[in-house]
Amino acid sequence: MLADLRETVKSFKMFKPMTYLWQIDETTTHLITDSLDENTPLVCPLTLKVIQATARHLPIISIQWLVASITHQIIVPSQIYEIFLGDPTYGYHGGFLRSRIPRSQGLFQGIAFRLECPEQHGCQAILADNRALRELIYLCGGTIVDDSNQNQSSTIIVLCNEIKQQGHIYTAYVKPEWLLASIAQYNLQPFQQFSVHFSS
């Protein structure tokens, strides 16, 4: 499968001036990904790259677009290959499209986050460390605070995997997966499913 993907990408390079990057950054214009399975061609697995593309408001396109362009030896319109739904991890949704609707503020505008999950355990589901978590917060207009007194006017959401003590009362204590679900659906999700409970 990976060999087929590399061969497809190599063939696609015949179209100049297109470039293919293995990471997503400020120069990325589209994310090309595989579908969940052949029965659902416009549904893709929810990966870190998909969440990053959603946070950056990028179109997410099926790899079938590359195949069709190579077959016809022209760049075919990508719109009919655009993926609209992520996998059912967080429910089927229109978050990828919703993220690209012009708006005056980011998804996390006015929200400050405290990161209390260990640096090396950003989120067990997708993130290996907090660097990607921090980038996602900033891309969606949020801020990160280290001190509870830093930003009293904001909603403060604490991302953590476990609460050992309750020193301050914040708006919510949630697992990092809340952030991923909110970005994937591009809509703030209810806290209940992702709440962290105090341990004794």
N, C-alpha and C. Protein backbone atom coordinates (compact mmCIF):
# COMPACT_ATOMS: atom_id res chain seq x y z
N MET A 1 0.83 -1.20 0.00
CA MET A 1 0.00 0.00 0.00
C MET A 1 0.87 1.26 0.00
N LEU A 2 1.87 1.31 0.90
CA LEU A 2 2.75 2.47 0.96
C LEU A 2 3.56 2.59 -0.32
N ALA A 3 3.98 1.45 -0.89
CA ALA A 3 4.73 1.48 -2.15
C ALA A 3 3.86 2.03 -3.27
N ASP A 4 2.57 1.64 -3.31
CA ASP A 4 1.64 2.16 -4.32
C ASP A 4 1.47 3.67 -4.17
N LEU A 5 1.36 4.13 -2.92
CA LEU A 5 1.21 5.56 -2.64
C LEU A 5 2.43 6.32 -3.15
N ARG A 6 3.61 5.82 -2.84
CA ARG A 6 4.84 6.50 -3.28
C ARG A 6 4.93 6.54 -4.80
N GLU A 7 4.54 5.46 -5.46
CA GLU A 7 4.57 5.42 -6.92
C GLU A 7 3.58 6.43 -7.51
N THR A 8 2.39 6.54 -6.89
CA THR A 8 1.39 7.51 -7.35
C THR A 8 1.92 8.93 -7.21
N VAL A 9 2.52 9.23 -6.05
CA VAL A 9 3.08 10.56 -5.80
C VAL A 9 4.20 10.85 -6.79
N LYS A 10 5.05 9.86 -7.03
CA LYS A 10 6.17 10.03 -7.97
C LYS A 10 5.63 10.34 -9.37
N SER A 11 4.57 9.66 -9.79
CA SER A 11 3.98 9.91 -11.10
C SER A 11 3.35 11.29 -11.17
N PHE A 12 2.77 11.73 -10.05
CA PHE A 12 2.09 13.03 -10.03
C PHE A 12 3.07 14.19 -10.19
N LYS A 13 4.33 13.96 -9.87
CA LYS A 13 5.32 15.03 -9.96
C LYS A 13 5.57 15.49 -11.39
N MET A 14 4.96 14.79 -12.36
CA MET A 14 5.10 15.24 -13.75
C MET A 14 4.39 16.58 -13.97
N PHE A 15 3.46 16.91 -13.06
CA PHE A 15 2.76 18.20 -13.15
C PHE A 15 3.58 19.25 -12.42
N LYS A 16 4.10 20.18 -13.17
CA LYS A 16 4.88 21.27 -12.57
C LYS A 16 3.94 22.45 -12.38
N PRO A 17 4.13 23.28 -11.46
CA PRO A 17 5.15 23.41 -10.41
C PRO A 17 4.70 22.81 -9.08
N MET A 18 3.95 21.72 -9.08
CA MET A 18 3.46 21.14 -7.84
C MET A 18 4.59 20.48 -7.07
N THR A 19 4.51 20.60 -5.76
CA THR A 19 5.47 19.92 -4.90
C THR A 19 4.68 19.12 -3.87
N TYR A 20 5.31 18.09 -3.38
CA TYR A 20 4.67 17.22 -2.39
C TYR A 20 5.52 17.24 -1.13
N LEU A 21 4.90 17.54 0.00
CA LEU A 21 5.59 17.55 1.29
C LEU A 21 5.00 16.46 2.17
N TRP A 22 5.83 15.88 3.00
CA TRP A 22 5.34 14.84 3.91
C TRP A 22 4.81 15.42 5.22
N GLN A 23 5.04 16.72 5.44
CA GLN A 23 4.52 17.36 6.65
C GLN A 23 3.63 18.52 6.24
N ILE A 24 2.82 19.00 7.18
CA ILE A 24 1.93 20.13 6.91
C ILE A 24 2.53 21.36 7.58
N ASP A 25 2.66 22.43 6.78
CA ASP A 25 3.16 23.68 7.33
C ASP A 25 2.46 24.84 6.64
N GLU A 26 2.98 26.06 6.82
CA GLU A 26 2.32 27.25 6.26
C GLU A 26 2.35 27.30 4.74
N THR A 27 3.15 26.46 4.08
CA THR A 27 3.18 26.45 2.61
C THR A 27 2.20 25.44 2.01
N THR A 28 1.61 24.61 2.84
CA THR A 28 0.70 23.57 2.36
C THR A 28 -0.61 24.18 1.88
N THR A 29 -1.09 23.73 0.72
CA THR A 29 -2.36 24.25 0.19
C THR A 29 -3.48 23.22 0.21
N HIS A 30 -3.13 21.93 0.19
CA HIS A 30 -4.11 20.84 0.22
C HIS A 30 -3.51 19.67 1.00
N LEU A 31 -4.37 18.88 1.61
CA LEU A 31 -3.93 17.60 2.18
C LEU A 31 -4.53 16.51 1.32
N ILE A 32 -3.67 15.61 0.85
CA ILE A 32 -4.14 14.47 0.07
C ILE A 32 -4.00 13.25 0.96
N THR A 33 -5.09 12.52 1.12
CA THR A 33 -5.09 11.38 2.02
C THR A 33 -5.91 10.25 1.43
N ASP A 34 -5.79 9.10 2.02
CA ASP A 34 -6.53 7.92 1.58
C ASP A 34 -7.90 7.92 2.23
N SER A 35 -8.85 7.24 1.61
CA SER A 35 -10.18 7.13 2.20
C SER A 35 -10.19 6.03 3.25
N LEU A 36 -11.25 6.02 4.03
CA LEU A 36 -11.38 5.04 5.10
C LEU A 36 -11.39 3.62 4.53
N ASP A 37 -12.17 3.42 3.47
CA ASP A 37 -12.18 2.16 2.73
C ASP A 37 -12.81 2.41 1.37
N GLU A 38 -12.82 1.39 0.51
CA GLU A 38 -13.32 1.61 -0.85
C GLU A 38 -14.82 1.84 -0.91
N ASN A 39 -15.54 1.46 0.14
CA ASN A 39 -16.99 1.68 0.17
C ASN A 39 -17.36 3.10 0.59
N THR A 40 -16.43 3.81 1.21
CA THR A 40 -16.67 5.18 1.65
C THR A 40 -15.53 6.06 1.14
N PRO A 41 -15.52 6.37 -0.16
CA PRO A 41 -14.37 7.07 -0.74
C PRO A 41 -14.18 8.51 -0.25
N LEU A 42 -15.21 9.14 0.28
CA LEU A 42 -15.05 10.52 0.73
C LEU A 42 -15.09 10.63 2.25
N VAL A 43 -14.67 9.56 2.91
CA VAL A 43 -14.49 9.53 4.36
C VAL A 43 -13.07 9.09 4.60
N CYS A 44 -12.34 9.81 5.46
CA CYS A 44 -10.93 9.47 5.67
C CYS A 44 -10.67 9.12 7.14
N PRO A 45 -9.59 8.40 7.40
CA PRO A 45 -9.19 8.14 8.78
C PRO A 45 -8.81 9.46 9.46
N LEU A 46 -9.10 9.56 10.72
CA LEU A 46 -8.76 10.77 11.47
C LEU A 46 -7.33 10.63 11.97
N THR A 47 -6.42 11.39 11.36
CA THR A 47 -5.01 11.35 11.72
C THR A 47 -4.58 12.73 12.18
N LEU A 48 -3.37 12.82 12.71
CA LEU A 48 -2.85 14.12 13.12
C LEU A 48 -2.80 15.07 11.92
N LYS A 49 -2.40 14.58 10.75
CA LYS A 49 -2.33 15.44 9.56
C LYS A 49 -3.70 15.97 9.18
N VAL A 50 -4.72 15.15 9.29
CA VAL A 50 -6.08 15.59 8.98
C VAL A 50 -6.51 16.68 9.96
N ILE A 51 -6.21 16.51 11.23
CA ILE A 51 -6.56 17.52 12.22
C ILE A 51 -5.76 18.80 11.98
N GLN A 52 -4.47 18.68 11.65
CA GLN A 52 -3.67 19.86 11.34
C GLN A 52 -4.22 20.58 10.11
N ALA A 53 -4.61 19.83 9.08
CA ALA A 53 -5.17 20.45 7.87
C ALA A 53 -6.47 21.18 8.20
N THR A 54 -7.28 20.60 9.05
CA THR A 54 -8.54 21.24 9.45
C THR A 54 -8.25 22.53 10.21
N ALA A 55 -7.28 22.48 11.13
CA ALA A 55 -6.91 23.68 11.89
C ALA A 55 -6.36 24.76 10.98
N ARG A 56 -5.74 24.37 9.88
CA ARG A 56 -5.18 25.34 8.92
C ARG A 56 -6.17 25.70 7.82
N HIS A 57 -7.39 25.17 7.89
CA HIS A 57 -8.47 25.49 6.93
C HIS A 57 -8.13 25.02 5.51
N LEU A 58 -7.49 23.87 5.39
CA LEU A 58 -7.08 23.35 4.08
C LEU A 58 -8.10 22.37 3.52
N PRO A 59 -8.27 22.32 2.20
CA PRO A 59 -9.09 21.27 1.61
C PRO A 59 -8.41 19.91 1.83
N ILE A 60 -9.21 18.91 2.10
CA ILE A 60 -8.70 17.54 2.28
C ILE A 60 -9.24 16.73 1.11
N ILE A 61 -8.31 16.21 0.31
CA ILE A 61 -8.64 15.61 -0.98
C ILE A 61 -8.27 14.13 -0.98
N SER A 62 -9.12 13.31 -1.57
CA SER A 62 -8.85 11.87 -1.71
C SER A 62 -7.69 11.64 -2.66
N ILE A 63 -6.91 10.63 -2.37
CA ILE A 63 -5.79 10.27 -3.25
C ILE A 63 -6.30 9.88 -4.64
N GLN A 64 -7.57 9.58 -4.75
CA GLN A 64 -8.15 9.25 -6.06
C GLN A 64 -8.04 10.43 -7.03
N TRP A 65 -7.93 11.64 -6.49
CA TRP A 65 -7.71 12.82 -7.33
C TRP A 65 -6.37 12.70 -8.07
N LEU A 66 -5.33 12.25 -7.35
CA LEU A 66 -4.03 12.05 -7.99
C LEU A 66 -4.13 11.00 -9.09
N VAL A 67 -4.80 9.90 -8.76
CA VAL A 67 -4.94 8.80 -9.72
C VAL A 67 -5.67 9.28 -10.98
N ALA A 68 -6.77 10.02 -10.78
CA ALA A 68 -7.54 10.52 -11.94
C ALA A 68 -6.71 11.50 -12.76
N SER A 69 -5.96 12.37 -12.12
CA SER A 69 -5.12 13.34 -12.84
C SER A 69 -4.04 12.62 -13.65
N ILE A 70 -3.43 11.61 -13.07
CA ILE A 70 -2.39 10.85 -13.78
C ILE A 70 -3.01 10.10 -14.96
N THR A 71 -4.16 9.49 -14.73
CA THR A 71 -4.84 8.73 -15.78
C THR A 71 -5.18 9.62 -16.98
N HIS A 72 -5.69 10.82 -16.71
CA HIS A 72 -6.11 11.73 -17.79
C HIS A 72 -4.99 12.65 -18.25
N GLN A 73 -3.85 12.59 -17.57
CA GLN A 73 -2.67 13.40 -17.86
C GLN A 73 -2.96 14.90 -17.85
N ILE A 74 -3.90 15.30 -17.04
CA ILE A 74 -4.17 16.71 -16.75
C ILE A 74 -4.60 16.79 -15.28
N ILE A 75 -4.48 17.96 -14.72
CA ILE A 75 -4.95 18.12 -13.35
C ILE A 75 -6.46 18.31 -13.40
N VAL A 76 -7.18 17.30 -12.93
CA VAL A 76 -8.64 17.37 -12.94
C VAL A 76 -9.12 18.20 -11.75
N PRO A 77 -10.32 18.78 -11.81
CA PRO A 77 -10.82 19.56 -10.67
C PRO A 77 -10.85 18.71 -9.40
N SER A 78 -10.37 19.27 -8.34
CA SER A 78 -10.26 18.51 -7.09
C SER A 78 -11.55 18.47 -6.28
N GLN A 79 -12.50 19.37 -6.58
CA GLN A 79 -13.69 19.49 -5.74
C GLN A 79 -14.48 18.18 -5.62
N ILE A 80 -14.57 17.41 -6.70
CA ILE A 80 -15.36 16.18 -6.60
C ILE A 80 -14.65 15.09 -5.81
N TYR A 81 -13.37 15.32 -5.49
CA TYR A 81 -12.61 14.36 -4.69
C TYR A 81 -12.40 14.85 -3.26
N GLU A 82 -13.05 15.95 -2.92
CA GLU A 82 -12.87 16.51 -1.58
C GLU A 82 -13.55 15.62 -0.53
N ILE A 83 -12.81 15.36 0.53
CA ILE A 83 -13.34 14.54 1.62
C ILE A 83 -14.08 15.44 2.59
N PHE A 84 -15.31 15.06 2.89
CA PHE A 84 -16.16 15.89 3.73
C PHE A 84 -16.26 15.38 5.15
N LEU A 85 -16.00 14.12 5.37
CA LEU A 85 -16.21 13.53 6.69
C LEU A 85 -14.98 12.81 7.19
N GLY A 86 -14.76 12.89 8.50
CA GLY A 86 -13.71 12.10 9.13
C GLY A 86 -14.29 10.77 9.53
N ASP A 87 -13.45 9.90 10.03
CA ASP A 87 -13.95 8.59 10.46
C ASP A 87 -14.86 8.75 11.67
N PRO A 88 -15.58 7.70 12.03
CA PRO A 88 -16.60 7.84 13.08
C PRO A 88 -16.05 7.97 14.51
N THR A 89 -14.74 8.18 14.68
CA THR A 89 -14.17 8.33 16.01
C THR A 89 -14.93 9.37 16.82
N TYR A 90 -15.17 10.52 16.21
CA TYR A 90 -15.90 11.60 16.89
C TYR A 90 -17.25 11.85 16.23
N GLY A 91 -17.78 10.87 15.53
CA GLY A 91 -19.06 11.02 14.85
C GLY A 91 -18.87 11.62 13.47
N TYR A 92 -19.73 11.25 12.56
CA TYR A 92 -19.67 11.84 11.22
C TYR A 92 -20.08 13.30 11.31
N HIS A 93 -19.43 14.13 10.56
CA HIS A 93 -19.61 15.57 10.73
C HIS A 93 -19.16 16.30 9.47
N GLY A 94 -19.34 17.58 9.43
CA GLY A 94 -18.88 18.40 8.31
C GLY A 94 -17.78 19.35 8.75
N GLY A 95 -16.99 18.93 9.72
CA GLY A 95 -15.97 19.80 10.30
C GLY A 95 -14.93 20.30 9.32
N PHE A 96 -14.55 19.47 8.34
CA PHE A 96 -13.52 19.89 7.38
C PHE A 96 -14.02 21.08 6.56
N LEU A 97 -15.28 21.00 6.13
CA LEU A 97 -15.86 22.12 5.38
C LEU A 97 -16.12 23.31 6.30
N ARG A 98 -16.64 23.04 7.49
CA ARG A 98 -16.96 24.12 8.44
C ARG A 98 -15.71 24.93 8.77
N SER A 99 -14.55 24.30 8.81
CA SER A 99 -13.32 25.01 9.16
C SER A 99 -12.94 26.04 8.09
N ARG A 100 -13.46 25.87 6.87
CA ARG A 100 -13.08 26.76 5.78
C ARG A 100 -14.09 27.87 5.54
N ILE A 101 -15.16 27.93 6.32
CA ILE A 101 -16.11 29.03 6.20
C ILE A 101 -15.45 30.27 6.78
N PRO A 102 -15.42 31.36 6.01
CA PRO A 102 -14.79 32.58 6.53
C PRO A 102 -15.48 33.04 7.82
N ARG A 103 -14.69 33.39 8.80
CA ARG A 103 -15.23 33.85 10.08
C ARG A 103 -14.30 34.89 10.65
N SER A 104 -14.83 35.67 11.56
CA SER A 104 -14.03 36.77 12.11
C SER A 104 -13.10 36.32 13.22
N GLN A 105 -13.33 35.16 13.80
CA GLN A 105 -12.45 34.71 14.88
C GLN A 105 -12.22 33.21 14.80
N GLY A 106 -11.14 32.78 15.45
CA GLY A 106 -10.77 31.37 15.44
C GLY A 106 -11.67 30.54 16.35
N LEU A 107 -11.60 29.25 16.17
CA LEU A 107 -12.41 28.31 16.95
C LEU A 107 -12.20 28.49 18.45
N PHE A 108 -10.95 28.73 18.86
CA PHE A 108 -10.64 28.85 20.30
C PHE A 108 -10.41 30.30 20.71
N GLN A 109 -10.90 31.25 19.94
CA GLN A 109 -10.76 32.67 20.29
C GLN A 109 -11.37 32.92 21.67
N GLY A 110 -10.63 33.59 22.55
CA GLY A 110 -11.12 33.90 23.88
C GLY A 110 -10.97 32.75 24.87
N ILE A 111 -10.34 31.68 24.44
CA ILE A 111 -10.13 30.54 25.34
C ILE A 111 -8.64 30.42 25.64
N ALA A 112 -8.33 30.32 26.91
CA ALA A 112 -6.95 30.09 27.35
C ALA A 112 -6.85 28.64 27.83
N PHE A 113 -5.75 28.02 27.53
CA PHE A 113 -5.53 26.62 27.90
C PHE A 113 -4.36 26.52 28.87
N ARG A 114 -4.50 25.68 29.85
CA ARG A 114 -3.37 25.26 30.69
C ARG A 114 -3.10 23.81 30.31
N LEU A 115 -1.83 23.52 30.05
CA LEU A 115 -1.46 22.15 29.68
C LEU A 115 -0.86 21.47 30.89
N GLU A 116 -1.62 20.60 31.48
CA GLU A 116 -1.13 19.89 32.66
C GLU A 116 -0.90 18.42 32.37
N CYS A 117 -1.08 18.03 31.11
CA CYS A 117 -0.73 16.66 30.77
C CYS A 117 0.78 16.64 30.54
N PRO A 118 1.47 15.59 30.95
CA PRO A 118 2.93 15.57 30.81
C PRO A 118 3.38 15.83 29.38
N GLU A 119 4.50 16.52 29.23
CA GLU A 119 5.03 16.89 27.92
C GLU A 119 5.11 15.70 26.97
N GLN A 120 5.56 14.55 27.46
CA GLN A 120 5.73 13.39 26.60
C GLN A 120 4.43 12.62 26.36
N HIS A 121 3.34 13.04 27.02
CA HIS A 121 2.05 12.36 26.84
C HIS A 121 0.98 13.36 26.48
N GLY A 122 1.17 14.05 25.36
CA GLY A 122 0.21 15.07 24.93
C GLY A 122 -1.19 14.51 24.78
N CYS A 123 -1.32 13.41 24.12
CA CYS A 123 -2.61 12.77 23.93
C CYS A 123 -2.36 11.37 23.41
N GLN A 124 -2.84 10.40 24.13
CA GLN A 124 -2.56 9.01 23.76
C GLN A 124 -3.11 8.65 22.38
N ALA A 125 -4.21 9.29 21.97
CA ALA A 125 -4.86 8.90 20.72
C ALA A 125 -4.02 9.22 19.49
N ILE A 126 -3.44 10.43 19.43
CA ILE A 126 -2.77 10.86 18.20
C ILE A 126 -1.44 11.55 18.47
N LEU A 127 -1.37 12.39 19.48
CA LEU A 127 -0.21 13.25 19.66
C LEU A 127 0.87 12.60 20.51
N ALA A 128 2.09 12.65 20.03
CA ALA A 128 3.21 12.06 20.77
C ALA A 128 3.70 13.00 21.86
N ASP A 129 3.57 14.31 21.65
CA ASP A 129 4.01 15.27 22.67
C ASP A 129 3.19 16.55 22.56
N ASN A 130 3.48 17.49 23.42
CA ASN A 130 2.68 18.71 23.50
C ASN A 130 3.00 19.75 22.43
N ARG A 131 4.08 19.57 21.68
CA ARG A 131 4.39 20.56 20.64
C ARG A 131 3.26 20.65 19.62
N ALA A 132 2.77 19.51 19.16
CA ALA A 132 1.68 19.51 18.19
C ALA A 132 0.40 20.05 18.83
N LEU A 133 0.18 19.74 20.10
CA LEU A 133 -0.99 20.25 20.82
C LEU A 133 -0.95 21.77 20.90
N ARG A 134 0.21 22.31 21.22
CA ARG A 134 0.38 23.77 21.30
C ARG A 134 0.13 24.42 19.94
N GLU A 135 0.68 23.83 18.89
CA GLU A 135 0.49 24.39 17.55
C GLU A 135 -0.99 24.43 17.18
N LEU A 136 -1.72 23.35 17.48
CA LEU A 136 -3.15 23.30 17.17
C LEU A 136 -3.92 24.39 17.91
N ILE A 137 -3.57 24.62 19.18
CA ILE A 137 -4.23 25.67 19.96
C ILE A 137 -4.00 27.03 19.32
N TYR A 138 -2.75 27.33 18.97
CA TYR A 138 -2.43 28.62 18.36
C TYR A 138 -3.09 28.78 16.99
N LEU A 139 -3.08 27.72 16.17
CA LEU A 139 -3.68 27.80 14.84
C LEU A 139 -5.18 28.11 14.91
N CYS A 140 -5.83 27.68 15.98
CA CYS A 140 -7.27 27.89 16.13
C CYS A 140 -7.60 29.11 16.98
N GLY A 141 -6.60 29.97 17.22
CA GLY A 141 -6.86 31.24 17.89
C GLY A 141 -6.85 31.21 19.40
N GLY A 142 -6.48 30.08 20.01
CA GLY A 142 -6.41 29.99 21.46
C GLY A 142 -5.09 30.48 22.00
N THR A 143 -5.00 30.62 23.30
CA THR A 143 -3.75 31.00 23.96
C THR A 143 -3.42 29.94 25.00
N ILE A 144 -2.17 29.93 25.41
CA ILE A 144 -1.72 28.99 26.45
C ILE A 144 -1.21 29.82 27.62
N VAL A 145 -1.68 29.50 28.81
CA VAL A 145 -1.24 30.21 30.01
C VAL A 145 -0.56 29.22 30.95
N ASP A 146 0.43 29.74 31.68
CA ASP A 146 1.11 28.90 32.66
C ASP A 146 0.66 29.24 34.07
N ASP A 147 0.12 30.44 34.24
CA ASP A 147 -0.28 30.91 35.56
C ASP A 147 -1.76 31.25 35.51
N SER A 148 -2.52 30.82 36.48
CA SER A 148 -3.96 31.05 36.48
C SER A 148 -4.32 32.53 36.53
N ASN A 149 -3.41 33.39 36.98
CA ASN A 149 -3.71 34.82 37.07
C ASN A 149 -3.39 35.56 35.78
N GLN A 150 -2.82 34.86 34.81
CA GLN A 150 -2.37 35.50 33.58
C GLN A 150 -3.50 36.07 32.73
N ASN A 151 -4.64 35.43 32.71
CA ASN A 151 -5.67 35.80 31.76
C ASN A 151 -7.04 35.61 32.39
N GLN A 152 -7.40 36.45 33.32
CA GLN A 152 -8.64 36.27 34.07
C GLN A 152 -9.89 36.47 33.22
N SER A 153 -9.78 37.21 32.11
CA SER A 153 -10.97 37.49 31.32
C SER A 153 -11.34 36.33 30.40
N SER A 154 -10.49 35.34 30.28
CA SER A 154 -10.75 34.24 29.35
C SER A 154 -11.37 33.05 30.06
N THR A 155 -11.99 32.24 29.24
CA THR A 155 -12.37 30.91 29.68
C THR A 155 -11.07 30.13 29.78
N ILE A 156 -10.86 29.41 30.87
CA ILE A 156 -9.63 28.62 31.00
C ILE A 156 -9.99 27.15 31.02
N ILE A 157 -9.45 26.44 30.06
CA ILE A 157 -9.67 25.00 29.96
C ILE A 157 -8.36 24.31 30.23
N VAL A 158 -8.38 23.38 31.15
CA VAL A 158 -7.17 22.64 31.51
C VAL A 158 -7.20 21.31 30.77
N LEU A 159 -6.15 21.06 29.98
CA LEU A 159 -6.02 19.79 29.30
C LEU A 159 -5.11 18.90 30.13
N CYS A 160 -5.65 17.79 30.60
CA CYS A 160 -4.86 16.91 31.45
C CYS A 160 -5.44 15.51 31.36
N ASN A 161 -4.66 14.56 31.79
CA ASN A 161 -5.11 13.18 31.78
C ASN A 161 -5.62 12.74 33.16
N GLU A 162 -5.19 13.46 34.20
CA GLU A 162 -5.59 13.11 35.57
C GLU A 162 -5.43 14.35 36.44
N ILE A 163 -6.32 14.52 37.39
CA ILE A 163 -6.22 15.65 38.31
C ILE A 163 -5.89 15.09 39.69
N LYS A 164 -4.74 15.50 40.23
CA LYS A 164 -4.34 15.01 41.55
C LYS A 164 -4.83 15.93 42.66
N GLN A 165 -4.92 17.22 42.36
CA GLN A 165 -5.44 18.15 43.35
C GLN A 165 -6.15 19.29 42.64
N GLN A 166 -7.05 19.91 43.36
CA GLN A 166 -7.82 20.99 42.77
C GLN A 166 -7.39 22.29 43.44
N GLY A 167 -6.39 22.96 42.85
CA GLY A 167 -5.90 24.20 43.42
C GLY A 167 -6.76 25.39 43.03
N HIS A 168 -7.29 25.38 41.84
CA HIS A 168 -8.11 26.48 41.33
C HIS A 168 -9.34 25.89 40.65
N ILE A 169 -10.34 26.69 40.54
CA ILE A 169 -11.53 26.27 39.80
C ILE A 169 -11.45 26.91 38.41
N TYR A 170 -11.33 26.07 37.41
CA TYR A 170 -11.30 26.54 36.03
C TYR A 170 -12.62 26.20 35.36
N THR A 171 -12.77 26.64 34.14
CA THR A 171 -14.00 26.36 33.41
C THR A 171 -14.20 24.86 33.24
N ALA A 172 -13.15 24.17 32.88
CA ALA A 172 -13.27 22.73 32.66
C ALA A 172 -11.91 22.06 32.75
N TYR A 173 -11.92 20.83 33.21
CA TYR A 173 -10.76 19.95 33.17
C TYR A 173 -11.12 18.83 32.19
N VAL A 174 -10.44 18.81 31.06
CA VAL A 174 -10.77 17.82 30.04
C VAL A 174 -9.51 17.14 29.50
N LYS A 175 -9.72 15.97 28.92
CA LYS A 175 -8.62 15.25 28.26
C LYS A 175 -8.27 15.97 26.96
N PRO A 176 -7.03 15.84 26.49
CA PRO A 176 -6.64 16.48 25.23
C PRO A 176 -7.52 16.07 24.05
N GLU A 177 -8.16 14.93 24.14
CA GLU A 177 -9.03 14.48 23.06
C GLU A 177 -10.17 15.46 22.81
N TRP A 178 -10.56 16.25 23.83
CA TRP A 178 -11.61 17.26 23.63
C TRP A 178 -11.16 18.25 22.55
N LEU A 179 -9.90 18.66 22.61
CA LEU A 179 -9.37 19.60 21.64
C LEU A 179 -9.39 18.99 20.24
N LEU A 180 -8.98 17.74 20.13
CA LEU A 180 -8.96 17.06 18.83
C LEU A 180 -10.36 16.92 18.26
N ALA A 181 -11.32 16.54 19.11
CA ALA A 181 -12.71 16.39 18.65
C ALA A 181 -13.28 17.72 18.22
N SER A 182 -12.97 18.78 18.96
CA SER A 182 -13.48 20.11 18.61
C SER A 182 -12.92 20.57 17.27
N ILE A 183 -11.63 20.33 17.03
CA ILE A 183 -11.03 20.73 15.75
C ILE A 183 -11.58 19.86 14.62
N ALA A 184 -11.65 18.54 14.84
CA ALA A 184 -12.14 17.64 13.79
C ALA A 184 -13.54 18.03 13.35
N GLN A 185 -14.38 18.43 14.29
CA GLN A 185 -15.75 18.82 13.95
C GLN A 185 -15.87 20.33 13.74
N TYR A 186 -14.80 21.04 13.99
CA TYR A 186 -14.72 22.49 13.95
C TYR A 186 -15.93 23.13 14.63
N ASN A 187 -16.12 22.66 15.85
CA ASN A 187 -17.22 23.12 16.67
C ASN A 187 -16.87 22.72 18.11
N LEU A 188 -16.97 23.65 19.05
CA LEU A 188 -16.63 23.31 20.43
C LEU A 188 -17.55 22.20 20.92
N GLN A 189 -16.94 21.15 21.42
CA GLN A 189 -17.69 19.98 21.87
C GLN A 189 -18.08 20.10 23.34
N PRO A 190 -19.17 19.44 23.74
CA PRO A 190 -19.51 19.44 25.17
C PRO A 190 -18.37 18.80 25.98
N PHE A 191 -18.19 19.27 27.18
CA PHE A 191 -17.09 18.78 28.02
C PHE A 191 -17.34 17.39 28.60
N GLN A 192 -18.61 17.02 28.82
CA GLN A 192 -18.93 15.84 29.61
C GLN A 192 -18.20 14.57 29.18
N GLN A 193 -18.21 14.28 27.90
CA GLN A 193 -17.59 13.04 27.41
C GLN A 193 -16.09 13.01 27.65
N PHE A 194 -15.46 14.17 27.79
CA PHE A 194 -14.01 14.26 27.89
C PHE A 194 -13.54 14.72 29.27
N SER A 195 -14.45 14.83 30.23
CA SER A 195 -14.11 15.34 31.56
C SER A 195 -13.11 14.44 32.26
N VAL A 196 -12.25 15.08 33.02
CA VAL A 196 -11.28 14.37 33.85
C VAL A 196 -11.78 14.46 35.29
N HIS A 197 -11.75 13.35 35.98
CA HIS A 197 -12.25 13.32 37.36
C HIS A 197 -11.09 13.37 38.33
N PHE A 198 -11.33 13.96 39.45
CA PHE A 198 -10.29 14.10 40.46
C PHE A 198 -9.91 12.75 41.04
N SER A 199 -8.61 12.55 41.22
CA SER A 199 -8.16 11.32 41.88
C SER A 199 -7.78 11.66 43.31
N SER A 200 -7.87 10.68 44.15
CA SER A 200 -7.57 10.96 45.56
C SER A 200 -6.10 10.80 45.86
